[in-house]
Amino acid sequence: MSKLDKQDGDRVLQCLQGGPKTASEMATLLHLSVPRTNGLLLELNRRGIIHAPRCTTGPRGNTVNLWDLPIPQETPV
């Protein structure tokens, strides 16, 4: 992952701190293109850092992923 990818990936993770969002919503908030944001999301998902546990309906009636941070696992005592 390049320095720019890491920087933008960190921005995506900060954006998801506020709750689940679509790629389009994050692209708007982060001033990135949707393809750039989607690529970052797919890479973060591949690495197991984020996931899309559910979908929502997009403006055209299509199904879009709702990306989120995983719920932290409790460590056994």
Foldseek 3Di string as FASTA:
>chain_A
DDPVLVVVLVLVQVVQVVPWDFLVVSCVVVVHDSVSSVVSQVVCVVVVQKDFPAWDQDPVRDTTTTIHGDDDDDDDD
